[in-house]
């Protein structure tokens, strides 16, 4: 309390308003992209899908195109499987997964895919096949890792176990690839810092229709 009193004295001397302690109210959500920014993003992805520069670039564009079509959360994206796609790649079955582990009956929906998503999948799926061809058993995840990475398990000698490329991409890896990819591929001015902000912008745009 003494520190708070000192702060109040200093703020008053500086002509600043008093601190509103204990009345923070609801947390303000980060701003989301406007409709024009989303249009510009789609236009840029349509251009870039024919100019793929790396496997990571192909995966990012395909993930973004899928997110634009399905408005899926990160957890819903990494849960997508090859078998969720229709044979002609024109639709995908999406299962809703709520945040924070709330009790919820999953809602499975068939979503039509845009030409952008179909073109992006045409670029990504051959790369995915190469990444998974040496794995044992059937590889079902739609989104897979591009390189070896440690699985977070530490051995007695302090080293980490390593996971091979082509294994299912985890939510943390998806978010990390989004954060790095928006800068690496010149999309930072079109994509918000957080993947969830993109999803909320798409939800808001859908509600306005």
N, C-alpha and C. Protein backbone atom coordinates (compact mmCIF):
# COMPACT_ATOMS: atom_id res chain seq x y z
N UNK A 1 0.83 -1.20 0.00
CA UNK A 1 0.00 0.00 0.00
C UNK A 1 0.86 1.26 0.00
N UNK A 2 2.03 1.20 0.70
CA UNK A 2 2.91 2.36 0.73
C UNK A 2 3.39 2.71 -0.67
N UNK A 3 3.74 1.66 -1.46
CA UNK A 3 4.18 1.91 -2.84
C UNK A 3 3.08 2.54 -3.66
N UNK A 4 1.85 2.05 -3.46
CA UNK A 4 0.72 2.60 -4.20
C UNK A 4 0.50 4.06 -3.84
N UNK A 5 0.65 4.38 -2.55
CA UNK A 5 0.48 5.77 -2.12
C UNK A 5 1.53 6.67 -2.75
N UNK A 6 2.78 6.16 -2.80
CA UNK A 6 3.85 6.94 -3.43
C UNK A 6 3.56 7.17 -4.91
N UNK A 7 3.07 6.13 -5.58
CA UNK A 7 2.73 6.27 -7.00
C UNK A 7 1.64 7.31 -7.20
N UNK A 8 0.66 7.31 -6.31
CA UNK A 8 -0.43 8.28 -6.43
C UNK A 8 0.10 9.70 -6.26
N UNK A 9 1.03 9.90 -5.32
CA UNK A 9 1.60 11.23 -5.11
C UNK A 9 2.36 11.68 -6.35
N UNK A 10 3.16 10.77 -6.91
CA UNK A 10 3.93 11.11 -8.11
C UNK A 10 3.02 11.41 -9.29
N UNK A 11 1.96 10.62 -9.46
CA UNK A 11 1.04 10.84 -10.57
C UNK A 11 0.31 12.17 -10.41
N UNK A 12 -0.07 12.48 -9.17
CA UNK A 12 -0.76 13.75 -8.93
C UNK A 12 0.16 14.93 -9.23
N UNK A 13 1.44 14.79 -8.82
CA UNK A 13 2.40 15.86 -9.07
C UNK A 13 2.64 16.05 -10.56
N UNK A 14 2.53 14.96 -11.31
CA UNK A 14 2.74 15.03 -12.76
C UNK A 14 1.48 15.40 -13.52
N UNK A 15 0.38 15.57 -12.80
CA UNK A 15 -0.87 15.92 -13.46
C UNK A 15 -1.56 14.76 -14.13
N UNK A 16 -1.24 13.53 -13.70
CA UNK A 16 -1.85 12.34 -14.28
C UNK A 16 -3.05 11.91 -13.46
N UNK A 17 -4.03 11.24 -14.09
CA UNK A 17 -5.20 10.77 -13.35
C UNK A 17 -4.82 9.66 -12.37
N UNK A 18 -5.65 9.48 -11.36
CA UNK A 18 -5.40 8.46 -10.35
C UNK A 18 -5.55 7.07 -10.96
N UNK A 19 -4.82 6.11 -10.39
CA UNK A 19 -4.92 4.73 -10.84
C UNK A 19 -6.27 4.14 -10.43
N UNK A 20 -6.89 3.42 -11.35
CA UNK A 20 -8.17 2.76 -11.05
C UNK A 20 -7.88 1.34 -10.61
N UNK A 21 -7.55 1.17 -9.34
CA UNK A 21 -7.17 -0.14 -8.81
C UNK A 21 -8.40 -1.01 -8.63
N UNK A 22 -8.28 -2.27 -9.08
CA UNK A 22 -9.36 -3.23 -8.86
C UNK A 22 -10.55 -3.05 -9.76
N UNK A 23 -10.44 -2.26 -10.82
CA UNK A 23 -11.57 -2.04 -11.72
C UNK A 23 -11.14 -2.21 -13.17
N UNK A 24 -10.33 -3.23 -13.39
CA UNK A 24 -9.78 -3.42 -14.74
C UNK A 24 -10.85 -3.78 -15.76
N UNK A 25 -11.89 -4.49 -15.36
CA UNK A 25 -12.93 -4.88 -16.29
C UNK A 25 -12.47 -6.00 -17.19
N UNK A 26 -13.25 -6.32 -18.22
CA UNK A 26 -12.91 -7.43 -19.11
C UNK A 26 -11.64 -7.14 -19.92
N UNK A 27 -10.92 -8.21 -20.22
CA UNK A 27 -9.70 -8.07 -21.02
C UNK A 27 -10.06 -7.68 -22.45
N UNK A 28 -9.40 -6.65 -22.95
CA UNK A 28 -9.68 -6.18 -24.31
C UNK A 28 -8.99 -7.09 -25.32
N UNK A 29 -9.75 -7.58 -26.30
CA UNK A 29 -9.19 -8.45 -27.31
C UNK A 29 -8.34 -7.65 -28.29
N UNK A 30 -7.34 -8.28 -28.84
CA UNK A 30 -6.50 -7.62 -29.83
C UNK A 30 -7.30 -7.33 -31.08
N UNK A 31 -6.98 -6.22 -31.76
CA UNK A 31 -7.72 -5.90 -32.99
C UNK A 31 -7.51 -6.97 -34.05
N UNK A 32 -8.49 -7.12 -34.91
CA UNK A 32 -8.43 -8.13 -35.97
C UNK A 32 -8.37 -7.44 -37.33
N UNK A 33 -7.90 -8.13 -38.36
CA UNK A 33 -7.82 -7.53 -39.70
C UNK A 33 -9.20 -7.11 -40.21
N UNK A 34 -9.22 -6.02 -40.96
CA UNK A 34 -10.46 -5.56 -41.57
C UNK A 34 -10.72 -6.33 -42.86
N UNK A 35 -11.91 -6.16 -43.39
CA UNK A 35 -12.33 -6.92 -44.56
C UNK A 35 -11.41 -6.66 -45.75
N UNK A 36 -10.98 -5.41 -45.93
CA UNK A 36 -10.10 -5.10 -47.06
C UNK A 36 -8.76 -5.82 -46.92
N UNK A 37 -8.26 -5.91 -45.69
CA UNK A 37 -6.99 -6.61 -45.46
C UNK A 37 -7.13 -8.10 -45.78
N UNK A 38 -8.28 -8.68 -45.46
CA UNK A 38 -8.51 -10.09 -45.79
C UNK A 38 -8.58 -10.30 -47.30
N UNK A 39 -9.20 -9.35 -48.00
CA UNK A 39 -9.24 -9.44 -49.47
C UNK A 39 -7.83 -9.37 -50.05
N UNK A 40 -7.03 -8.45 -49.51
CA UNK A 40 -5.65 -8.33 -49.98
C UNK A 40 -4.85 -9.60 -49.68
N UNK A 41 -5.12 -10.21 -48.54
CA UNK A 41 -4.44 -11.45 -48.19
C UNK A 41 -4.77 -12.55 -49.18
N UNK A 42 -6.04 -12.70 -49.50
CA UNK A 42 -6.44 -13.74 -50.47
C UNK A 42 -5.80 -13.49 -51.83
N UNK A 43 -5.79 -12.23 -52.24
CA UNK A 43 -5.19 -11.88 -53.54
C UNK A 43 -3.70 -12.24 -53.54
N UNK A 44 -3.01 -11.93 -52.46
CA UNK A 44 -1.58 -12.23 -52.37
C UNK A 44 -1.34 -13.74 -52.38
N UNK A 45 -2.15 -14.49 -51.65
CA UNK A 45 -1.97 -15.94 -51.63
C UNK A 45 -2.24 -16.56 -52.99
N UNK A 46 -3.22 -16.03 -53.71
CA UNK A 46 -3.50 -16.54 -55.06
C UNK A 46 -2.31 -16.32 -55.98
N UNK A 47 -1.61 -15.22 -55.77
CA UNK A 47 -0.41 -14.97 -56.57
C UNK A 47 0.73 -15.90 -56.14
N UNK A 48 0.92 -16.03 -54.82
CA UNK A 48 2.07 -16.78 -54.31
C UNK A 48 1.95 -18.28 -54.51
N UNK A 49 0.73 -18.80 -54.63
CA UNK A 49 0.57 -20.25 -54.72
C UNK A 49 1.22 -20.81 -55.98
N UNK A 50 1.43 -19.98 -56.96
CA UNK A 50 2.12 -20.43 -58.18
C UNK A 50 3.60 -20.07 -58.16
N UNK A 51 4.07 -19.54 -57.02
CA UNK A 51 5.47 -19.13 -56.90
C UNK A 51 6.08 -19.69 -55.61
N UNK A 52 5.84 -20.95 -55.35
CA UNK A 52 6.32 -21.58 -54.12
C UNK A 52 7.85 -21.60 -54.10
N UNK A 53 8.43 -21.18 -52.98
CA UNK A 53 9.89 -21.10 -52.89
C UNK A 53 10.49 -22.16 -51.97
N UNK A 54 9.68 -22.84 -51.17
CA UNK A 54 10.20 -23.84 -50.24
C UNK A 54 9.05 -24.69 -49.72
N UNK A 55 9.36 -25.86 -49.14
CA UNK A 55 8.30 -26.66 -48.52
C UNK A 55 7.53 -25.90 -47.43
N UNK A 56 8.26 -25.10 -46.65
CA UNK A 56 7.59 -24.32 -45.62
C UNK A 56 6.63 -23.30 -46.20
N UNK A 57 7.00 -22.73 -47.33
CA UNK A 57 6.14 -21.77 -48.02
C UNK A 57 4.87 -22.46 -48.50
N UNK A 58 5.03 -23.65 -49.08
CA UNK A 58 3.87 -24.40 -49.57
C UNK A 58 2.93 -24.75 -48.43
N UNK A 59 3.49 -25.20 -47.31
CA UNK A 59 2.64 -25.57 -46.17
C UNK A 59 1.93 -24.36 -45.60
N UNK A 60 2.63 -23.24 -45.46
CA UNK A 60 2.01 -22.04 -44.90
C UNK A 60 0.85 -21.57 -45.75
N UNK A 61 1.04 -21.51 -47.07
CA UNK A 61 -0.04 -21.06 -47.94
C UNK A 61 -1.23 -22.01 -47.85
N UNK A 62 -0.97 -23.31 -47.81
CA UNK A 62 -2.06 -24.27 -47.71
C UNK A 62 -2.79 -24.15 -46.38
N UNK A 63 -2.06 -23.96 -45.29
CA UNK A 63 -2.68 -23.78 -43.98
C UNK A 63 -3.53 -22.51 -43.96
N UNK A 64 -2.99 -21.42 -44.49
CA UNK A 64 -3.73 -20.16 -44.50
C UNK A 64 -4.98 -20.27 -45.36
N UNK A 65 -4.85 -20.89 -46.52
CA UNK A 65 -6.01 -21.06 -47.39
C UNK A 65 -7.08 -21.89 -46.70
N UNK A 66 -6.66 -22.94 -46.00
CA UNK A 66 -7.61 -23.78 -45.27
C UNK A 66 -8.26 -23.00 -44.14
N UNK A 67 -7.47 -22.18 -43.44
CA UNK A 67 -8.03 -21.37 -42.36
C UNK A 67 -9.04 -20.36 -42.90
N UNK A 68 -8.74 -19.76 -44.04
CA UNK A 68 -9.67 -18.80 -44.64
C UNK A 68 -10.99 -19.46 -45.01
N UNK A 69 -10.94 -20.69 -45.48
CA UNK A 69 -12.16 -21.39 -45.90
C UNK A 69 -12.95 -21.94 -44.71
N UNK A 70 -12.25 -22.47 -43.71
CA UNK A 70 -12.93 -23.21 -42.64
C UNK A 70 -13.09 -22.41 -41.35
N UNK A 71 -12.32 -21.32 -41.20
CA UNK A 71 -12.31 -20.54 -39.96
C UNK A 71 -11.96 -21.43 -38.76
N UNK A 72 -11.09 -22.38 -38.99
CA UNK A 72 -10.72 -23.35 -37.95
C UNK A 72 -9.69 -22.76 -36.99
N UNK A 73 -9.78 -23.17 -35.74
CA UNK A 73 -8.77 -22.84 -34.74
C UNK A 73 -7.51 -23.66 -35.01
N UNK A 74 -6.42 -23.26 -34.35
CA UNK A 74 -5.15 -23.98 -34.53
C UNK A 74 -5.30 -25.45 -34.17
N UNK A 75 -5.98 -25.74 -33.07
CA UNK A 75 -6.18 -27.13 -32.67
C UNK A 75 -7.00 -27.92 -33.65
N UNK A 76 -7.95 -27.25 -34.31
CA UNK A 76 -8.77 -27.92 -35.31
C UNK A 76 -7.98 -28.17 -36.59
N UNK A 77 -7.07 -27.26 -36.91
CA UNK A 77 -6.24 -27.43 -38.11
C UNK A 77 -5.31 -28.63 -37.96
N UNK A 78 -4.63 -28.73 -36.82
CA UNK A 78 -3.67 -29.83 -36.67
C UNK A 78 -4.38 -31.18 -36.52
N UNK A 79 -5.68 -31.16 -36.24
CA UNK A 79 -6.44 -32.41 -36.15
C UNK A 79 -6.92 -32.89 -37.52
N UNK A 80 -6.71 -32.08 -38.56
CA UNK A 80 -7.18 -32.47 -39.89
C UNK A 80 -6.36 -33.64 -40.43
N UNK A 81 -7.04 -34.54 -41.12
CA UNK A 81 -6.42 -35.74 -41.67
C UNK A 81 -6.66 -35.80 -43.18
N UNK A 82 -5.81 -36.54 -43.85
CA UNK A 82 -5.98 -36.73 -45.29
C UNK A 82 -7.37 -37.28 -45.59
N UNK A 83 -7.83 -38.19 -44.76
CA UNK A 83 -9.14 -38.80 -44.96
C UNK A 83 -10.30 -37.85 -44.79
N UNK A 84 -10.05 -36.67 -44.23
CA UNK A 84 -11.11 -35.67 -44.10
C UNK A 84 -11.40 -34.96 -45.42
N UNK A 85 -10.46 -35.06 -46.36
CA UNK A 85 -10.65 -34.45 -47.67
C UNK A 85 -11.50 -35.36 -48.55
N UNK A 86 -12.35 -34.76 -49.36
CA UNK A 86 -13.09 -35.55 -50.34
C UNK A 86 -12.14 -36.02 -51.43
N UNK A 87 -12.55 -37.02 -52.19
CA UNK A 87 -11.67 -37.60 -53.20
C UNK A 87 -11.20 -36.58 -54.23
N UNK A 88 -12.06 -35.62 -54.55
CA UNK A 88 -11.68 -34.62 -55.55
C UNK A 88 -11.08 -33.36 -54.93
N UNK A 89 -10.84 -33.40 -53.60
CA UNK A 89 -10.23 -32.27 -52.88
C UNK A 89 -11.09 -31.00 -52.93
N UNK A 90 -12.38 -31.15 -53.12
CA UNK A 90 -13.25 -29.98 -53.19
C UNK A 90 -13.90 -29.66 -51.85
N UNK A 91 -13.83 -30.58 -50.89
CA UNK A 91 -14.44 -30.38 -49.57
C UNK A 91 -13.56 -31.00 -48.50
N UNK A 92 -13.75 -30.53 -47.27
CA UNK A 92 -13.07 -31.13 -46.13
C UNK A 92 -14.04 -31.18 -44.96
N UNK A 93 -13.98 -32.25 -44.21
CA UNK A 93 -14.79 -32.38 -43.00
C UNK A 93 -14.01 -31.78 -41.83
N UNK A 94 -14.63 -30.82 -41.16
CA UNK A 94 -13.99 -30.13 -40.04
C UNK A 94 -14.76 -30.43 -38.77
N UNK A 95 -14.05 -30.81 -37.72
CA UNK A 95 -14.66 -31.08 -36.42
C UNK A 95 -14.32 -29.96 -35.47
N UNK A 96 -15.35 -29.28 -34.95
CA UNK A 96 -15.14 -28.17 -34.03
C UNK A 96 -14.55 -28.65 -32.71
N UNK A 97 -13.54 -27.93 -32.23
CA UNK A 97 -12.89 -28.24 -30.96
C UNK A 97 -12.82 -26.96 -30.15
N UNK A 98 -13.62 -26.82 -29.09
CA UNK A 98 -13.65 -25.57 -28.32
C UNK A 98 -12.36 -25.34 -27.56
N UNK A 99 -12.11 -24.07 -27.22
CA UNK A 99 -10.94 -23.73 -26.43
C UNK A 99 -11.18 -24.05 -24.96
N UNK A 100 -10.10 -24.15 -24.20
CA UNK A 100 -10.13 -24.28 -22.74
C UNK A 100 -10.80 -25.56 -22.28
N UNK A 101 -10.96 -26.56 -23.16
CA UNK A 101 -11.46 -27.85 -22.74
C UNK A 101 -12.89 -27.85 -22.25
N UNK A 102 -13.72 -26.95 -22.74
CA UNK A 102 -15.11 -26.89 -22.30
C UNK A 102 -15.86 -28.14 -22.75
N UNK A 103 -16.87 -28.53 -21.96
CA UNK A 103 -17.73 -29.64 -22.36
C UNK A 103 -18.47 -29.25 -23.63
N UNK A 104 -18.34 -30.09 -24.62
CA UNK A 104 -18.88 -29.71 -25.92
C UNK A 104 -18.99 -30.95 -26.79
N UNK A 105 -20.11 -31.10 -27.46
CA UNK A 105 -20.27 -32.19 -28.41
C UNK A 105 -19.68 -31.75 -29.75
N UNK A 106 -18.63 -32.42 -30.23
CA UNK A 106 -17.99 -31.99 -31.48
C UNK A 106 -19.00 -31.89 -32.63
N UNK A 107 -18.87 -30.82 -33.38
CA UNK A 107 -19.76 -30.58 -34.52
C UNK A 107 -18.97 -30.77 -35.80
N UNK A 108 -19.27 -31.82 -36.55
CA UNK A 108 -18.54 -32.09 -37.78
C UNK A 108 -19.30 -31.50 -38.95
N UNK A 109 -18.57 -30.75 -39.76
CA UNK A 109 -19.18 -30.02 -40.87
C UNK A 109 -18.36 -30.23 -42.14
N UNK A 110 -19.03 -30.42 -43.27
CA UNK A 110 -18.35 -30.50 -44.56
C UNK A 110 -18.26 -29.10 -45.15
N UNK A 111 -17.05 -28.64 -45.38
CA UNK A 111 -16.82 -27.28 -45.86
C UNK A 111 -16.29 -27.34 -47.29
N UNK A 112 -16.89 -26.56 -48.17
CA UNK A 112 -16.40 -26.47 -49.56
C UNK A 112 -15.09 -25.70 -49.59
N UNK A 113 -14.15 -26.17 -50.36
CA UNK A 113 -12.85 -25.52 -50.47
C UNK A 113 -12.79 -24.63 -51.70
N UNK A 114 -12.18 -23.49 -51.52
CA UNK A 114 -12.03 -22.52 -52.60
C UNK A 114 -10.99 -22.99 -53.61
N UNK A 115 -10.99 -22.39 -54.80
CA UNK A 115 -9.91 -22.70 -55.76
C UNK A 115 -8.53 -22.46 -55.17
N UNK A 116 -8.40 -21.43 -54.31
CA UNK A 116 -7.11 -21.18 -53.66
C UNK A 116 -6.68 -22.38 -52.82
N UNK A 117 -7.58 -22.91 -52.01
CA UNK A 117 -7.24 -24.07 -51.18
C UNK A 117 -6.89 -25.28 -52.03
N UNK A 118 -7.64 -25.50 -53.10
CA UNK A 118 -7.36 -26.66 -53.94
C UNK A 118 -6.00 -26.53 -54.63
N UNK A 119 -5.69 -25.32 -55.08
CA UNK A 119 -4.37 -25.10 -55.70
C UNK A 119 -3.25 -25.25 -54.67
N UNK A 120 -3.49 -24.74 -53.45
CA UNK A 120 -2.48 -24.83 -52.40
C UNK A 120 -2.26 -26.28 -51.99
N UNK A 121 -3.33 -27.06 -51.91
CA UNK A 121 -3.19 -28.48 -51.58
C UNK A 121 -2.44 -29.22 -52.69
N UNK A 122 -2.68 -28.82 -53.93
CA UNK A 122 -1.97 -29.46 -55.05
C UNK A 122 -0.46 -29.23 -54.94
N UNK A 123 -0.06 -28.12 -54.34
CA UNK A 123 1.36 -27.86 -54.12
C UNK A 123 1.88 -28.59 -52.88
N UNK A 124 1.07 -28.61 -51.82
CA UNK A 124 1.52 -29.16 -50.54
C UNK A 124 1.51 -30.69 -50.50
N UNK A 125 0.50 -31.33 -51.04
CA UNK A 125 0.35 -32.78 -50.85
C UNK A 125 1.51 -33.60 -51.42
N UNK A 126 2.07 -33.25 -52.60
CA UNK A 126 3.25 -34.01 -53.06
C UNK A 126 4.44 -33.85 -52.11
N UNK A 127 4.62 -32.66 -51.54
CA UNK A 127 5.70 -32.44 -50.57
C UNK A 127 5.45 -33.28 -49.33
N UNK A 128 4.21 -33.28 -48.88
CA UNK A 128 3.83 -34.08 -47.71
C UNK A 128 4.12 -35.56 -47.95
N UNK A 129 3.81 -36.05 -49.14
CA UNK A 129 4.05 -37.46 -49.47
C UNK A 129 5.54 -37.80 -49.38
N UNK A 130 6.39 -36.90 -49.85
CA UNK A 130 7.83 -37.14 -49.77
C UNK A 130 8.30 -37.16 -48.32
N UNK A 131 7.73 -36.28 -47.49
CA UNK A 131 8.14 -36.20 -46.09
C UNK A 131 7.72 -37.43 -45.29
N UNK A 132 6.62 -38.06 -45.69
CA UNK A 132 6.07 -39.17 -44.91
C UNK A 132 6.38 -40.55 -45.50
N UNK A 133 7.06 -40.60 -46.64
CA UNK A 133 7.20 -41.88 -47.34
C UNK A 133 8.05 -42.89 -46.58
N UNK A 134 8.93 -42.45 -45.70
CA UNK A 134 9.79 -43.39 -44.97
C UNK A 134 9.24 -43.73 -43.58
N UNK A 135 8.09 -43.18 -43.22
CA UNK A 135 7.53 -43.47 -41.90
C UNK A 135 6.90 -44.85 -41.89
N UNK A 136 6.96 -45.49 -40.75
CA UNK A 136 6.32 -46.79 -40.60
C UNK A 136 4.82 -46.60 -40.39
N UNK A 137 4.04 -47.51 -40.95
CA UNK A 137 2.59 -47.41 -40.81
C UNK A 137 2.02 -46.35 -41.73
N UNK A 138 0.75 -46.07 -41.55
CA UNK A 138 0.08 -45.10 -42.41
C UNK A 138 0.21 -43.70 -41.83
N UNK A 139 0.50 -42.74 -42.68
CA UNK A 139 0.59 -41.33 -42.27
C UNK A 139 -0.73 -40.66 -42.62
N UNK A 140 -1.46 -40.24 -41.61
CA UNK A 140 -2.80 -39.72 -41.85
C UNK A 140 -2.93 -38.21 -41.68
N UNK A 141 -2.00 -37.59 -40.96
CA UNK A 141 -2.12 -36.15 -40.69
C UNK A 141 -1.99 -35.34 -41.97
N UNK A 142 -2.83 -34.34 -42.12
CA UNK A 142 -2.75 -33.47 -43.28
C UNK A 142 -1.53 -32.55 -43.19
N UNK A 143 -1.24 -32.08 -41.98
CA UNK A 143 -0.12 -31.15 -41.78
C UNK A 143 0.97 -31.88 -41.01
N UNK A 144 2.17 -31.93 -41.59
CA UNK A 144 3.27 -32.67 -40.97
C UNK A 144 4.50 -31.77 -40.86
N UNK A 145 5.43 -32.21 -40.01
CA UNK A 145 6.65 -31.44 -39.78
C UNK A 145 7.58 -31.51 -40.99
N UNK A 146 8.39 -30.48 -41.13
CA UNK A 146 9.29 -30.38 -42.28
C UNK A 146 10.69 -30.87 -41.97
N UNK A 147 11.07 -30.86 -40.71
CA UNK A 147 12.45 -31.21 -40.34
C UNK A 147 12.45 -31.96 -39.02
N UNK A 148 13.59 -32.57 -38.71
CA UNK A 148 13.74 -33.24 -37.43
C UNK A 148 13.62 -32.21 -36.30
N UNK A 149 12.97 -32.60 -35.22
CA UNK A 149 12.90 -31.75 -34.04
C UNK A 149 12.79 -32.63 -32.81
N UNK A 150 13.21 -32.07 -31.65
CA UNK A 150 13.15 -32.91 -30.45
C UNK A 150 11.73 -32.92 -29.91
N UNK A 151 11.37 -34.00 -29.29
CA UNK A 151 10.00 -34.22 -28.84
C UNK A 151 9.76 -33.71 -27.43
N UNK A 152 10.73 -33.02 -26.85
CA UNK A 152 10.54 -32.50 -25.52
C UNK A 152 10.88 -33.48 -24.42
N UNK A 153 11.37 -34.68 -24.76
CA UNK A 153 11.74 -35.68 -23.77
C UNK A 153 13.25 -35.65 -23.57
N UNK A 154 13.68 -35.49 -22.33
CA UNK A 154 15.10 -35.38 -22.03
C UNK A 154 15.64 -36.71 -21.52
N UNK A 155 16.76 -37.15 -22.10
CA UNK A 155 17.41 -38.38 -21.65
C UNK A 155 18.23 -38.09 -20.38
N UNK A 156 18.76 -39.16 -19.77
CA UNK A 156 19.56 -39.01 -18.56
C UNK A 156 20.81 -38.17 -18.79
N UNK A 157 21.34 -38.23 -20.02
CA UNK A 157 22.56 -37.47 -20.31
C UNK A 157 22.28 -36.03 -20.71
N UNK A 158 21.01 -35.62 -20.67
CA UNK A 158 20.66 -34.24 -20.99
C UNK A 158 20.28 -34.01 -22.43
N UNK A 159 20.50 -35.00 -23.29
CA UNK A 159 20.13 -34.85 -24.70
C UNK A 159 18.63 -35.07 -24.86
N UNK A 160 18.12 -34.67 -26.02
CA UNK A 160 16.69 -34.78 -26.30
C UNK A 160 16.42 -35.88 -27.32
N UNK A 161 15.30 -36.53 -27.15
CA UNK A 161 14.85 -37.43 -28.21
C UNK A 161 14.43 -36.60 -29.40
N UNK A 162 14.58 -37.17 -30.58
CA UNK A 162 14.27 -36.40 -31.78
C UNK A 162 13.17 -37.09 -32.57
N UNK A 163 12.29 -36.27 -33.14
CA UNK A 163 11.22 -36.79 -33.98
C UNK A 163 11.59 -36.55 -35.43
N UNK A 164 11.26 -37.49 -36.28
CA UNK A 164 11.60 -37.39 -37.69
C UNK A 164 10.68 -36.40 -38.39
N UNK A 165 11.14 -35.94 -39.55
CA UNK A 165 10.25 -35.12 -40.37
C UNK A 165 9.10 -35.98 -40.86
N UNK A 166 8.00 -35.34 -41.17
CA UNK A 166 6.83 -36.07 -41.65
C UNK A 166 5.88 -36.52 -40.56
N UNK A 167 6.22 -36.26 -39.29
CA UNK A 167 5.31 -36.63 -38.21
C UNK A 167 4.23 -35.56 -38.09
N UNK A 168 3.09 -35.88 -37.48
CA UNK A 168 2.00 -34.89 -37.38
C UNK A 168 2.47 -33.59 -36.74
N UNK A 169 2.10 -32.49 -37.36
CA UNK A 169 2.42 -31.17 -36.83
C UNK A 169 1.58 -30.92 -35.58
N UNK A 170 2.22 -30.48 -34.51
CA UNK A 170 1.51 -30.18 -33.28
C UNK A 170 1.07 -28.72 -33.27
N UNK A 171 0.16 -28.39 -32.37
CA UNK A 171 -0.39 -27.03 -32.33
C UNK A 171 0.71 -26.00 -32.11
N UNK A 172 1.64 -26.30 -31.22
CA UNK A 172 2.72 -25.35 -30.96
C UNK A 172 3.56 -25.14 -32.21
N UNK A 173 3.82 -26.22 -32.94
CA UNK A 173 4.60 -26.10 -34.17
C UNK A 173 3.87 -25.31 -35.24
N UNK A 174 2.55 -25.49 -35.32
CA UNK A 174 1.76 -24.73 -36.29
C UNK A 174 1.82 -23.25 -35.99
N UNK A 175 1.64 -22.89 -34.72
CA UNK A 175 1.67 -21.48 -34.34
C UNK A 175 3.06 -20.90 -34.58
N UNK A 176 4.09 -21.68 -34.27
CA UNK A 176 5.45 -21.20 -34.49
C UNK A 176 5.72 -20.97 -35.97
N UNK A 177 5.25 -21.87 -36.82
CA UNK A 177 5.48 -21.72 -38.26
C UNK A 177 4.69 -20.54 -38.81
N UNK A 178 3.51 -20.27 -38.24
CA UNK A 178 2.74 -19.09 -38.64
C UNK A 178 3.50 -17.82 -38.28
N UNK A 179 3.98 -17.77 -37.05
CA UNK A 179 4.66 -16.56 -36.58
C UNK A 179 5.92 -16.27 -37.38
N UNK A 180 6.69 -17.31 -37.69
CA UNK A 180 7.92 -17.09 -38.46
C UNK A 180 7.61 -16.88 -39.94
N UNK A 181 6.63 -17.59 -40.47
CA UNK A 181 6.33 -17.51 -41.89
C UNK A 181 5.78 -16.17 -42.33
N UNK A 182 5.02 -15.51 -41.46
CA UNK A 182 4.46 -14.22 -41.86
C UNK A 182 5.56 -13.19 -42.10
N UNK A 183 6.69 -13.35 -41.44
CA UNK A 183 7.83 -12.46 -41.69
C UNK A 183 8.69 -13.00 -42.84
N UNK A 184 8.96 -14.29 -42.83
CA UNK A 184 9.88 -14.87 -43.82
C UNK A 184 9.37 -14.69 -45.24
N UNK A 185 8.05 -14.77 -45.42
CA UNK A 185 7.49 -14.72 -46.77
C UNK A 185 6.77 -13.40 -47.07
N UNK A 186 7.10 -12.37 -46.29
CA UNK A 186 6.61 -11.03 -46.59
C UNK A 186 5.11 -10.83 -46.41
N UNK A 187 4.54 -11.47 -45.39
CA UNK A 187 3.09 -11.39 -45.16
C UNK A 187 2.74 -10.66 -43.87
N UNK A 188 3.73 -10.08 -43.21
CA UNK A 188 3.49 -9.46 -41.90
C UNK A 188 2.50 -8.30 -41.99
N UNK A 189 2.45 -7.62 -43.13
CA UNK A 189 1.52 -6.49 -43.26
C UNK A 189 0.10 -6.95 -43.56
N UNK A 190 -0.08 -8.23 -43.87
CA UNK A 190 -1.40 -8.76 -44.20
C UNK A 190 -1.94 -9.70 -43.11
N UNK A 191 -1.05 -10.33 -42.37
CA UNK A 191 -1.45 -11.28 -41.34
C UNK A 191 -1.28 -10.67 -39.95
N UNK A 192 -2.23 -10.85 -39.05
CA UNK A 192 -2.07 -10.37 -37.68
C UNK A 192 -1.01 -11.18 -36.95
N UNK A 193 -0.48 -10.67 -35.84
CA UNK A 193 0.55 -11.41 -35.11
C UNK A 193 0.10 -12.77 -34.60
N UNK A 194 -1.20 -12.92 -34.39
CA UNK A 194 -1.74 -14.13 -33.77
C UNK A 194 -2.70 -14.82 -34.72
N UNK A 195 -2.56 -16.13 -34.88
CA UNK A 195 -3.44 -16.89 -35.76
C UNK A 195 -4.90 -16.78 -35.31
N UNK A 196 -5.12 -16.70 -34.00
CA UNK A 196 -6.49 -16.59 -33.49
C UNK A 196 -7.14 -15.28 -33.92
N UNK A 197 -6.34 -14.22 -34.07
CA UNK A 197 -6.89 -12.95 -34.56
C UNK A 197 -7.43 -13.10 -35.97
N UNK A 198 -6.74 -13.87 -36.79
CA UNK A 198 -7.21 -14.12 -38.15
C UNK A 198 -8.54 -14.86 -38.11
N UNK A 199 -8.64 -15.86 -37.25
CA UNK A 199 -9.89 -16.62 -37.15
C UNK A 199 -11.05 -15.73 -36.70
N UNK A 200 -10.79 -14.86 -35.73
CA UNK A 200 -11.86 -13.99 -35.24
C UNK A 200 -12.30 -13.00 -36.32
N UNK A 201 -11.36 -12.54 -37.13
CA UNK A 201 -11.72 -11.64 -38.23
C UNK A 201 -12.63 -12.36 -39.22
N UNK A 202 -12.33 -13.61 -39.50
CA UNK A 202 -13.16 -14.39 -40.43
C UNK A 202 -14.53 -14.66 -39.84
N UNK A 203 -14.59 -14.94 -38.55
CA UNK A 203 -15.88 -15.15 -37.88
C UNK A 203 -16.72 -13.88 -37.93
N UNK A 204 -16.08 -12.76 -37.69
CA UNK A 204 -16.79 -11.49 -37.71
C UNK A 204 -17.31 -11.19 -39.11
N UNK A 205 -16.48 -11.45 -40.12
CA UNK A 205 -16.93 -11.22 -41.49
C UNK A 205 -18.09 -12.11 -41.86
N UNK A 206 -18.08 -13.35 -41.38
CA UNK A 206 -19.19 -14.27 -41.66
C UNK A 206 -20.47 -13.80 -40.99
N UNK A 207 -20.36 -13.25 -39.77
CA UNK A 207 -21.55 -12.81 -39.05
C UNK A 207 -22.18 -11.59 -39.70
N UNK A 208 -21.40 -10.81 -40.44
CA UNK A 208 -21.93 -9.60 -41.07
C UNK A 208 -22.71 -9.89 -42.34
N UNK A 209 -22.55 -11.09 -42.89
CA UNK A 209 -23.18 -11.41 -44.17
C UNK A 209 -24.69 -11.59 -44.00
